[in-house]
Every structure is written in C-alpha cells, then in structure tokens.
Amino acid sequence: MTRKTVRIAMNGVTGRMGYRQHLVRSLLALREQGGLDLGDGTELWPEIVLVGRREHALRTIAARHGLEHWSTDLDAVLADPAVGIYFDAQVTSAREEALRKAIAAGKHVYTEKPTATGLAGALELARLAQAAGIKHGVVQDKLFLPGLLKLKRLIDGGFFGRILSVRGEFGYWVFEGDWQDAQRPSWNYRAQDGGGIVVDMFPHWEYVLHELFGRVTSVQALTATHIPQRWDERHKPYDATADDAAYGVFQLEGGVVAQINSSWAVRVNRDELVEFQVDGTEGSAVAGLRNCRIQHRGSTPKPVWNPDLPAAHSFRDQWQEVPDNRDFDNGFKVQWELFLRHVALDEPYQWDLLAGARGVQLAELGLASSAEGRRLDVPELSL
C-alpha cells in the first residue's frame, strides 16, 4: 500500500465542535485506522496543521495528540504550498474572510456552516471557488446520522407512498449561565456577534428537507428571544439580542409541508434531541439521531377520541423499530472521507458552497419572514 499525504489546515479546532467532531472523531480517527484507503493501492494520510488565535490552546491540543504543526498566523499557513486543504470551524463572523483568503491562495476548502453572514457573501464564495477551479465542500452532517439514513432507506424503498408532511422538533434547555454554566458559548445569543438559532439551525433544515423530501419553495417563520438575559463565560450578565427559538413552516417542491420547531429554551420530552415525524399515505416514521420507528398503513390502530376515559394503551408501543442492518460510522468522519476522495480522486461531491449558500438563504429569509410577519418565497439559486 502506497501512502499519499494531504496537508490540511484546520482553523477553529479549539472550539467544541471543531475539536471533538472534526479533529478527534474524524481526521485523528482516520489516522488511527492507518489513513483513508482510496481503493487503488493508495492510502491517503491526513497531515494536520492546527490554526487559531489562542496559542496556548493550540499548543495544548497539539501536545495532547502528538501533532507537530500549529500556527496563529493564518496567512503564513495559506502561503505554504504544502497545504492542500483549508478547513474552517470558526465563529460565523470570522469564516467568510478566511474562506476568501483560502480560495485566493488556491486551496481546496471544506467548511462548517453557515458559510457567511449573508446570502450575497455566501454566493460570492461559491462563485470565487468555481472561478478558482478548486474543490469545495460544506459540512452537512445530519444527512449521515443513523436515524436519517434509515429514514432515507424508507423513502427510497417507497415505504411512505405519497409523503404528506414532515414535523420536526429540535432543542433543549440551554442554562442561562447564572446558577449553572451554559452548554453553549455566549456569542450564540448575541445577534451582533452572528448568533441566533435561525442562523445556526435553518441551514441544517434546508439540506435535510432538500435532500430527503424536496427543495424548500417558501418559508413562514416566527422567532422569539424567550430568555432576554444570560450570563457569559466570566459569569457576567449580558443582554441576549439573538433569537433563541424559531417556529417555521416550509412548503416543499412537490407539495410536502414541513413544520420544524427549534428552541434553546425547551425541556426535552422526546426520545432524542431532534426528531422528525414523516407521514405518508402508506405509512409513517419517527426518526431521531440514531433510531427510527415506523407504523405501516396495515398496522395503524383506529384511535377514537374520548376524553372521559383514560387511554387503554401506549401509542408509542404501537410502532416498530427499524433495524440497523449495517454499521454506522461517525457522520462527520463519513463526510470527511467523501470530501477527501473528491479531492484525491475527483469523485462526485454534491454538498458544495452553492449548497451552503442555500442554507444561508433560508436563514436570511426566515428572519425576514418573522420580521415582516408574512410567508416568503425561496427562489432557486444558481451561479
């Protein structure tokens, strides 16, 4: 087996998502298995260069994992001809400028979302990448979750018949930070710093709906800031200026209606932190991060509304679990493997910067819909 090295600059891995999912569970996991087998007698070996603003944090992570290369100078890293790929998991407000620099330097780019703070910037990134002739990809991790992979298997197999509707529930209680530390960084709740649940989650909902059920053609959203004051990492109070909840209705190409609630101010009374219920003429399913349950038309009970008597049975027990039928690897790692194969072998890859721009577009229109109090059409994007 011949080893081929690809040097990857990873910017933003001092944050929770960049560190746990992209560094440890994706690229370091690939290294632990000996590299990525390209199937042609070659193993692709990711050589990692950590990039960030906090020298101490970078030095600590590098020492912990035996990594030799790290830098606080992004420009110098991008000027290095040995670096082939630039990855970005920074805060949203810093991402667009860094991606522009990487594209201008001729690097292939792979990035978290949203790709920019506005649609114009996101589209410009896609145009610049196309003009530069580089490979580019956007993380769309939820497509690779076991629960949604099982759901896609059902869709592809015609289980639902004609799909009628999708209902999604996402969220959990993020502590305010006064009597218990918050689970999310404080910038998430400041609009001036790029925070807000619409900006964070609507890009996810766009690709989930687009890939599984059809392109989003209209959006009607209502946002709220349910918790107006929070406490930051230094336990100092601050005004929460960004939305911490969003209630959206999406019309999809083909007539499917989707309704998704997103909230950081809700206590969980469901099996998983995110669940999607899909109802069709022939059957229904409820899919979460890992699990998926179904109820077929032929086994659907006949509920009768009678508030005078207690329910004689558990509705949840009337559903059947969808078996795994395969091993599921970490979704972030799977998508990294696909992108690396795209770079190394020119294999097809559909989740590019234009796909990322669609997510930014839906977030932008969702905020506008809430501000204007009306449903807005979602134009189809092209370069």
Protein backbone atom coordinates (compact mmCIF):
# COMPACT_ATOMS: atom_id res chain seq x y z
CA MET A 1 0.00 0.00 0.00
CA THR A 2 1.41 3.37 -1.05
CA ARG A 3 0.91 6.33 1.30
CA LYS A 4 -0.07 9.71 -0.10
CA THR A 5 -0.07 12.69 2.27
CA VAL A 6 -2.51 15.59 2.16
CA ARG A 7 -1.77 18.53 4.46
CA ILE A 8 -4.93 20.04 5.96
CA ALA A 9 -5.06 23.39 7.77
CA MET A 10 -7.76 23.18 10.45
CA ASN A 11 -8.95 26.57 11.71
CA GLY A 12 -11.24 26.69 14.74
CA VAL A 13 -10.47 23.32 16.36
CA THR A 14 -10.17 24.93 19.79
CA GLY A 15 -13.99 25.08 19.79
CA ARG A 16 -16.12 22.14 20.91
CA MET A 17 -17.44 21.08 17.50
CA GLY A 18 -14.19 21.61 15.62
CA TYR A 19 -12.21 19.71 18.23
CA ARG A 20 -14.48 16.77 19.05
CA GLN A 21 -16.14 16.02 15.75
CA HIS A 22 -13.72 17.21 13.08
CA LEU A 23 -10.30 16.73 14.68
CA VAL A 24 -10.71 13.83 17.12
CA ARG A 25 -13.58 11.80 15.69
CA SER A 26 -12.81 12.42 12.02
CA LEU A 27 -9.22 13.12 10.98
CA LEU A 28 -7.46 11.65 14.01
CA ALA A 29 -9.76 8.63 13.75
CA LEU A 30 -8.71 8.27 10.10
CA ARG A 31 -5.07 8.35 11.17
CA GLU A 32 -5.72 5.71 13.83
CA GLN A 33 -7.07 3.36 11.18
CA GLY A 34 -3.97 3.89 9.05
CA GLY A 35 -5.33 6.53 6.68
CA LEU A 36 -8.09 6.54 4.07
CA ASP A 37 -7.98 3.59 1.69
CA LEU A 38 -8.59 5.03 -1.79
CA GLY A 39 -9.15 1.58 -3.26
CA ASP A 40 -6.34 1.82 -5.81
CA GLY A 41 -3.50 0.64 -3.62
CA THR A 42 -3.09 4.10 -2.06
CA GLU A 43 -3.74 5.26 1.50
CA LEU A 44 -4.42 8.97 1.95
CA TRP A 45 -2.76 10.23 5.12
CA PRO A 46 -4.09 13.50 6.63
CA GLU A 47 -1.24 15.67 7.89
CA ILE A 48 -2.82 18.24 10.22
CA VAL A 49 -1.85 21.87 10.76
CA LEU A 50 -3.78 23.45 13.63
CA VAL A 51 -4.67 27.11 13.13
CA GLY A 52 -6.26 29.57 15.55
CA ARG A 53 -5.89 32.72 17.59
CA ARG A 54 -5.15 31.17 21.00
CA GLU A 55 -1.56 29.95 21.09
CA HIS A 56 -1.87 28.17 24.44
CA ALA A 57 -4.94 26.22 23.34
CA LEU A 58 -3.31 25.17 20.07
CA ARG A 59 -0.12 24.12 21.82
CA THR A 60 -2.12 22.06 24.35
CA ILE A 61 -4.15 20.24 21.68
CA ALA A 62 -1.04 19.56 19.61
CA ALA A 63 0.80 18.09 22.61
CA ARG A 64 -2.21 16.00 23.64
CA HIS A 65 -2.45 14.32 20.25
CA GLY A 66 1.18 14.31 19.14
CA LEU A 67 0.69 16.83 16.35
CA GLU A 68 3.76 18.70 15.15
CA HIS A 69 2.30 21.63 13.24
CA TRP A 70 0.28 24.55 14.60
CA SER A 71 0.20 28.29 13.98
CA THR A 72 -1.59 31.50 14.92
CA ASP A 73 -0.68 33.03 11.54
CA LEU A 74 -3.36 32.04 9.03
CA ASP A 75 -1.76 34.00 6.18
CA ALA A 76 1.53 32.15 6.63
CA VAL A 77 -0.22 28.77 6.66
CA LEU A 78 -2.15 29.59 3.49
CA ALA A 79 1.07 30.73 1.82
CA ASP A 80 2.58 27.28 2.42
CA PRO A 81 2.39 25.37 -0.90
CA ALA A 82 2.39 22.07 1.00
CA VAL A 83 -1.05 22.85 2.46
CA GLY A 84 -3.68 21.43 0.12
CA ILE A 85 -6.93 21.82 2.05
CA TYR A 86 -8.26 24.55 4.32
CA PHE A 87 -10.97 23.67 6.85
CA ASP A 88 -12.95 26.27 8.83
CA ALA A 89 -14.88 25.75 12.06
CA GLN A 90 -14.50 29.28 13.44
CA VAL A 91 -17.27 31.52 14.68
CA THR A 92 -19.53 32.51 11.80
CA SER A 93 -18.46 36.16 11.78
CA ALA A 94 -14.83 35.21 11.02
CA ARG A 95 -15.50 32.49 8.44
CA GLU A 96 -16.20 34.38 5.23
CA GLU A 97 -12.96 36.38 5.22
CA ALA A 98 -10.87 33.29 5.99
CA LEU A 99 -12.54 31.28 3.23
CA ARG A 100 -11.90 34.10 0.76
CA LYS A 101 -8.22 34.04 1.67
CA ALA A 102 -8.02 30.26 1.29
CA ILE A 103 -9.74 30.34 -2.11
CA ALA A 104 -7.43 33.14 -3.28
CA ALA A 105 -4.47 31.01 -2.16
CA GLY A 106 -5.70 28.15 -4.35
CA LYS A 107 -6.57 25.79 -1.50
CA HIS A 108 -9.42 23.32 -1.61
CA VAL A 109 -11.89 24.37 1.10
CA TYR A 110 -14.13 22.39 3.41
CA THR A 111 -16.15 24.35 5.93
CA GLU A 112 -18.75 24.35 8.64
CA LYS A 113 -21.91 26.33 8.11
CA PRO A 114 -23.24 28.90 7.75
CA THR A 115 -20.61 29.77 5.18
CA ALA A 116 -21.21 33.54 5.50
CA THR A 117 -23.30 36.01 7.46
CA GLY A 118 -25.48 36.81 4.42
CA LEU A 119 -26.60 35.33 1.13
CA ALA A 120 -24.59 37.77 -1.00
CA GLY A 121 -21.36 36.73 0.72
CA ALA A 122 -22.22 33.03 0.54
CA LEU A 123 -22.92 33.20 -3.19
CA GLU A 124 -19.75 35.19 -3.80
CA LEU A 125 -17.72 32.46 -2.07
CA ALA A 126 -19.29 29.86 -4.38
CA ARG A 127 -18.51 31.98 -7.44
CA LEU A 128 -14.93 32.59 -6.34
CA ALA A 129 -14.38 28.88 -5.72
CA GLN A 130 -15.82 27.99 -9.12
CA ALA A 131 -13.62 30.57 -10.85
CA ALA A 132 -10.54 29.34 -8.97
CA GLY A 133 -11.20 25.75 -10.05
CA ILE A 134 -10.80 24.39 -6.53
CA LYS A 135 -12.73 21.61 -4.79
CA HIS A 136 -15.13 22.92 -2.14
CA GLY A 137 -17.48 21.33 0.36
CA VAL A 138 -19.77 22.27 3.23
CA VAL A 139 -20.45 20.13 6.30
CA GLN A 140 -23.99 18.73 6.15
CA ASP A 141 -23.57 16.19 8.90
CA LYS A 142 -27.17 15.37 9.75
CA LEU A 143 -27.60 13.58 6.43
CA PHE A 144 -25.19 10.96 7.77
CA LEU A 145 -26.91 10.33 11.11
CA PRO A 146 -28.09 6.71 11.54
CA GLY A 147 -31.68 7.80 12.15
CA LEU A 148 -31.85 9.86 8.97
CA LEU A 149 -30.03 7.21 6.94
CA LYS A 150 -32.74 4.76 7.99
CA LEU A 151 -35.36 7.34 7.07
CA LYS A 152 -33.80 7.77 3.62
CA ARG A 153 -33.82 4.00 3.19
CA LEU A 154 -37.58 4.04 3.83
CA ILE A 155 -38.10 6.90 1.36
CA ASP A 156 -36.03 5.22 -1.35
CA GLY A 157 -37.95 1.97 -0.80
CA GLY A 158 -41.34 3.64 -1.25
CA PHE A 159 -42.47 2.89 2.29
CA PHE A 160 -44.47 6.11 2.73
CA GLY A 161 -46.43 6.10 -0.51
CA ARG A 162 -47.13 9.78 -1.15
CA ILE A 163 -45.43 11.84 1.56
CA LEU A 164 -47.80 14.40 3.06
CA SER A 165 -45.95 16.19 5.82
CA VAL A 166 -42.81 16.42 7.94
CA ARG A 167 -42.80 17.61 11.55
CA GLY A 168 -39.55 18.29 13.32
CA GLU A 169 -38.76 19.07 16.94
CA PHE A 170 -35.28 20.18 17.91
CA GLY A 171 -33.85 21.70 21.05
CA TYR A 172 -33.09 21.55 24.73
CA TRP A 173 -32.73 23.87 27.69
CA VAL A 174 -29.51 25.87 27.49
CA PHE A 175 -28.80 27.09 31.01
CA GLU A 176 -28.78 30.83 31.41
CA GLY A 177 -25.30 30.78 32.96
CA ASP A 178 -26.11 32.31 36.36
CA TRP A 179 -26.69 29.33 38.64
CA GLN A 180 -25.37 26.73 36.19
CA ASP A 181 -22.89 27.14 33.33
CA ALA A 182 -24.39 27.36 29.85
CA GLN A 183 -23.73 24.49 27.44
CA ARG A 184 -23.23 26.87 24.51
CA PRO A 185 -20.94 29.90 24.08
CA SER A 186 -22.38 33.31 24.88
CA TRP A 187 -21.87 34.68 21.35
CA ASN A 188 -24.67 32.34 20.21
CA TYR A 189 -27.13 34.69 21.94
CA ARG A 190 -25.79 38.00 20.62
CA ALA A 191 -27.05 38.98 17.17
CA GLN A 192 -24.17 41.44 16.74
CA ASP A 193 -21.73 38.51 17.01
CA GLY A 194 -23.55 36.32 14.48
CA GLY A 195 -25.65 34.41 17.00
CA GLY A 196 -29.21 33.14 16.84
CA ILE A 197 -30.93 29.80 16.41
CA VAL A 198 -32.21 30.65 12.91
CA VAL A 199 -28.69 31.31 11.63
CA ASP A 200 -27.49 28.18 13.42
CA MET A 201 -30.25 25.68 12.56
CA PHE A 202 -32.09 26.78 9.40
CA PRO A 203 -29.07 25.84 7.24
CA HIS A 204 -29.40 22.31 8.69
CA TRP A 205 -33.12 22.17 7.99
CA GLU A 206 -32.55 23.36 4.42
CA TYR A 207 -30.31 20.47 3.45
CA VAL A 208 -32.29 17.86 5.40
CA LEU A 209 -35.53 18.91 3.68
CA HIS A 210 -33.86 19.44 0.29
CA GLU A 211 -32.06 16.10 0.21
CA LEU A 212 -34.84 13.92 1.65
CA PHE A 213 -38.14 15.50 0.64
CA GLY A 214 -37.69 18.30 -1.89
CA ARG A 215 -36.43 21.84 -2.35
CA VAL A 216 -37.88 24.46 0.01
CA THR A 217 -40.05 26.84 -2.02
CA SER A 218 -41.45 29.06 0.75
CA VAL A 219 -40.90 29.81 4.43
CA GLN A 220 -43.01 31.32 7.15
CA ALA A 221 -41.27 31.74 10.47
CA LEU A 222 -41.80 33.26 13.89
CA THR A 223 -38.75 33.88 16.03
CA ALA A 224 -38.51 34.67 19.73
CA THR A 225 -35.95 35.60 22.35
CA HIS A 226 -37.52 33.78 25.25
CA ILE A 227 -34.61 34.33 27.66
CA PRO A 228 -33.68 38.05 27.41
CA GLN A 229 -30.73 37.96 29.82
CA ARG A 230 -27.94 35.42 30.12
CA TRP A 231 -24.54 35.16 31.82
CA ASP A 232 -21.30 34.78 29.86
CA GLU A 233 -18.18 32.67 30.40
CA ARG A 234 -16.96 35.11 33.07
CA HIS A 235 -20.34 34.88 34.84
CA LYS A 236 -21.23 38.44 33.88
CA PRO A 237 -24.79 39.23 32.76
CA TYR A 238 -25.45 40.35 29.20
CA ASP A 239 -28.48 41.11 27.05
CA ALA A 240 -29.48 38.27 24.73
CA THR A 241 -30.13 40.08 21.45
CA ALA A 242 -30.45 37.00 19.20
CA ASP A 243 -33.37 34.63 18.75
CA ASP A 244 -33.27 31.52 20.93
CA ALA A 245 -36.35 29.89 19.38
CA ALA A 246 -37.86 29.69 15.91
CA TYR A 247 -41.11 28.17 14.72
CA GLY A 248 -41.08 27.53 10.96
CA VAL A 249 -43.44 26.24 8.28
CA PHE A 250 -41.81 25.27 4.99
CA GLN A 251 -43.51 24.43 1.71
CA LEU A 252 -41.56 21.99 -0.44
CA GLU A 253 -41.43 21.26 -4.13
CA GLY A 254 -43.97 18.56 -4.83
CA GLY A 255 -46.45 19.70 -2.17
CA VAL A 256 -44.96 18.33 1.06
CA VAL A 257 -45.46 20.64 4.06
CA ALA A 258 -42.79 20.72 6.78
CA GLN A 259 -43.11 22.25 10.21
CA ILE A 260 -39.99 22.48 12.40
CA ASN A 261 -39.66 23.96 15.88
CA SER A 262 -36.18 24.89 17.05
CA SER A 263 -35.52 26.07 20.60
CA TRP A 264 -32.78 26.51 23.18
CA ALA A 265 -35.49 27.26 25.75
CA VAL A 266 -37.40 23.97 25.80
CA ARG A 267 -37.12 20.95 28.09
CA VAL A 268 -36.88 17.63 26.30
CA ASN A 269 -39.84 15.26 26.40
CA ARG A 270 -38.96 13.06 23.44
CA ASP A 271 -36.58 10.18 22.86
CA GLU A 272 -33.83 12.24 21.18
CA LEU A 273 -32.80 15.90 20.96
CA VAL A 274 -34.07 16.07 17.40
CA GLU A 275 -36.92 14.05 15.91
CA PHE A 276 -38.68 14.15 12.56
CA GLN A 277 -42.10 12.60 12.03
CA VAL A 278 -42.91 11.82 8.41
CA ASP A 279 -46.49 10.96 7.48
CA GLY A 280 -47.49 9.40 4.16
CA THR A 281 -50.47 7.68 2.63
CA GLU A 282 -48.97 4.22 3.20
CA GLY A 283 -47.10 4.70 6.47
CA SER A 284 -45.39 6.99 8.99
CA ALA A 285 -41.99 7.14 10.65
CA VAL A 286 -40.32 8.98 13.51
CA ALA A 287 -36.56 9.39 13.06
CA GLY A 288 -34.05 10.80 15.52
CA LEU A 289 -30.28 10.96 15.69
CA ARG A 290 -29.88 7.19 15.88
CA ASN A 291 -33.26 5.49 15.94
CA CYS A 292 -36.20 5.25 13.58
CA ARG A 293 -39.65 3.80 14.27
CA ILE A 294 -42.42 3.07 11.78
CA GLN A 295 -46.14 2.42 11.62
CA HIS A 296 -47.46 0.96 8.37
CA ARG A 297 -50.92 1.57 6.98
CA GLY A 298 -51.90 -2.06 7.58
CA SER A 299 -50.97 -1.94 11.26
CA THR A 300 -52.30 1.55 12.06
CA PRO A 301 -54.74 1.38 15.02
CA LYS A 302 -58.09 3.12 14.95
CA PRO A 303 -57.93 5.79 17.65
CA VAL A 304 -61.23 7.15 18.93
CA TRP A 305 -61.39 10.49 20.74
CA ASN A 306 -62.90 10.00 24.20
CA PRO A 307 -61.69 12.43 26.87
CA ASP A 308 -63.88 10.75 29.50
CA LEU A 309 -61.75 7.60 29.69
CA PRO A 310 -58.00 7.13 30.24
CA ALA A 311 -56.00 5.76 27.31
CA ALA A 312 -56.11 1.97 27.42
CA HIS A 313 -52.79 1.51 25.62
CA SER A 314 -49.45 3.19 24.89
CA PHE A 315 -49.37 4.84 21.48
CA ARG A 316 -45.57 4.53 21.39
CA ASP A 317 -45.80 0.76 21.79
CA GLN A 318 -47.76 0.56 18.52
CA TRP A 319 -44.67 1.48 16.47
CA GLN A 320 -41.98 -0.86 15.16
CA GLU A 321 -38.23 -0.21 15.37
CA VAL A 322 -36.32 -0.07 12.07
CA PRO A 323 -33.25 -2.35 12.34
CA ASP A 324 -29.76 -1.02 11.74
CA ASN A 325 -28.93 -3.60 9.03
CA ARG A 326 -25.44 -2.10 8.78
CA ASP A 327 -22.71 -0.46 10.85
CA PHE A 328 -22.89 3.33 11.08
CA ASP A 329 -19.64 5.27 11.38
CA ASN A 330 -19.43 8.81 12.77
CA GLY A 331 -21.31 11.07 10.35
CA PHE A 332 -18.68 13.83 10.37
CA LYS A 333 -15.97 11.27 9.60
CA VAL A 334 -18.00 9.76 6.76
CA GLN A 335 -18.42 13.14 5.11
CA TRP A 336 -14.73 13.95 5.56
CA GLU A 337 -13.92 10.68 3.78
CA LEU A 338 -16.21 11.61 0.89
CA PHE A 339 -14.64 15.06 0.57
CA LEU A 340 -11.10 13.68 0.69
CA ARG A 341 -11.98 11.19 -2.04
CA HIS A 342 -13.44 14.09 -4.02
CA VAL A 343 -10.13 15.93 -3.73
CA ALA A 344 -7.88 12.92 -4.34
CA LEU A 345 -9.89 11.03 -6.98
CA ASP A 346 -12.28 13.67 -8.34
CA GLU A 347 -15.25 11.56 -7.26
CA PRO A 348 -18.61 13.39 -7.39
CA TYR A 349 -19.49 15.55 -4.38
CA GLN A 350 -22.75 17.49 -4.21
CA TRP A 351 -22.54 19.38 -0.90
CA ASP A 352 -20.58 22.36 -2.16
CA LEU A 353 -20.54 26.09 -1.42
CA LEU A 354 -23.69 26.60 -3.50
CA ALA A 355 -25.45 24.10 -1.25
CA GLY A 356 -24.08 26.09 1.69
CA ALA A 357 -25.50 29.27 0.19
CA ARG A 358 -28.96 27.70 0.12
CA GLY A 359 -28.73 27.28 3.89
CA VAL A 360 -27.72 30.91 4.37
CA GLN A 361 -30.57 31.97 2.08
CA LEU A 362 -33.17 30.05 4.12
CA ALA A 363 -31.89 31.55 7.38
CA GLU A 364 -31.95 35.05 5.89
CA LEU A 365 -35.49 34.59 4.58
CA GLY A 366 -36.62 33.01 7.86
CA LEU A 367 -35.52 36.08 9.80
CA ALA A 368 -37.14 38.38 7.23
CA SER A 369 -40.37 36.36 7.37
CA SER A 370 -40.56 36.76 11.13
CA ALA A 371 -39.75 40.48 10.98
CA GLU A 372 -42.33 41.14 8.25
CA GLY A 373 -44.99 38.74 9.54
CA ARG A 374 -45.57 37.01 6.21
CA ARG A 375 -44.68 33.98 4.15
CA LEU A 376 -41.78 34.45 1.72
CA ASP A 377 -40.89 32.56 -1.44
CA VAL A 378 -37.49 30.91 -1.63
CA PRO A 379 -36.00 31.46 -5.11
CA GLU A 380 -33.91 28.69 -6.62
CA LEU A 381 -30.20 29.59 -6.53
CA SER A 382 -27.69 29.28 -9.32
CA LEU A 383 -24.27 30.71 -10.11
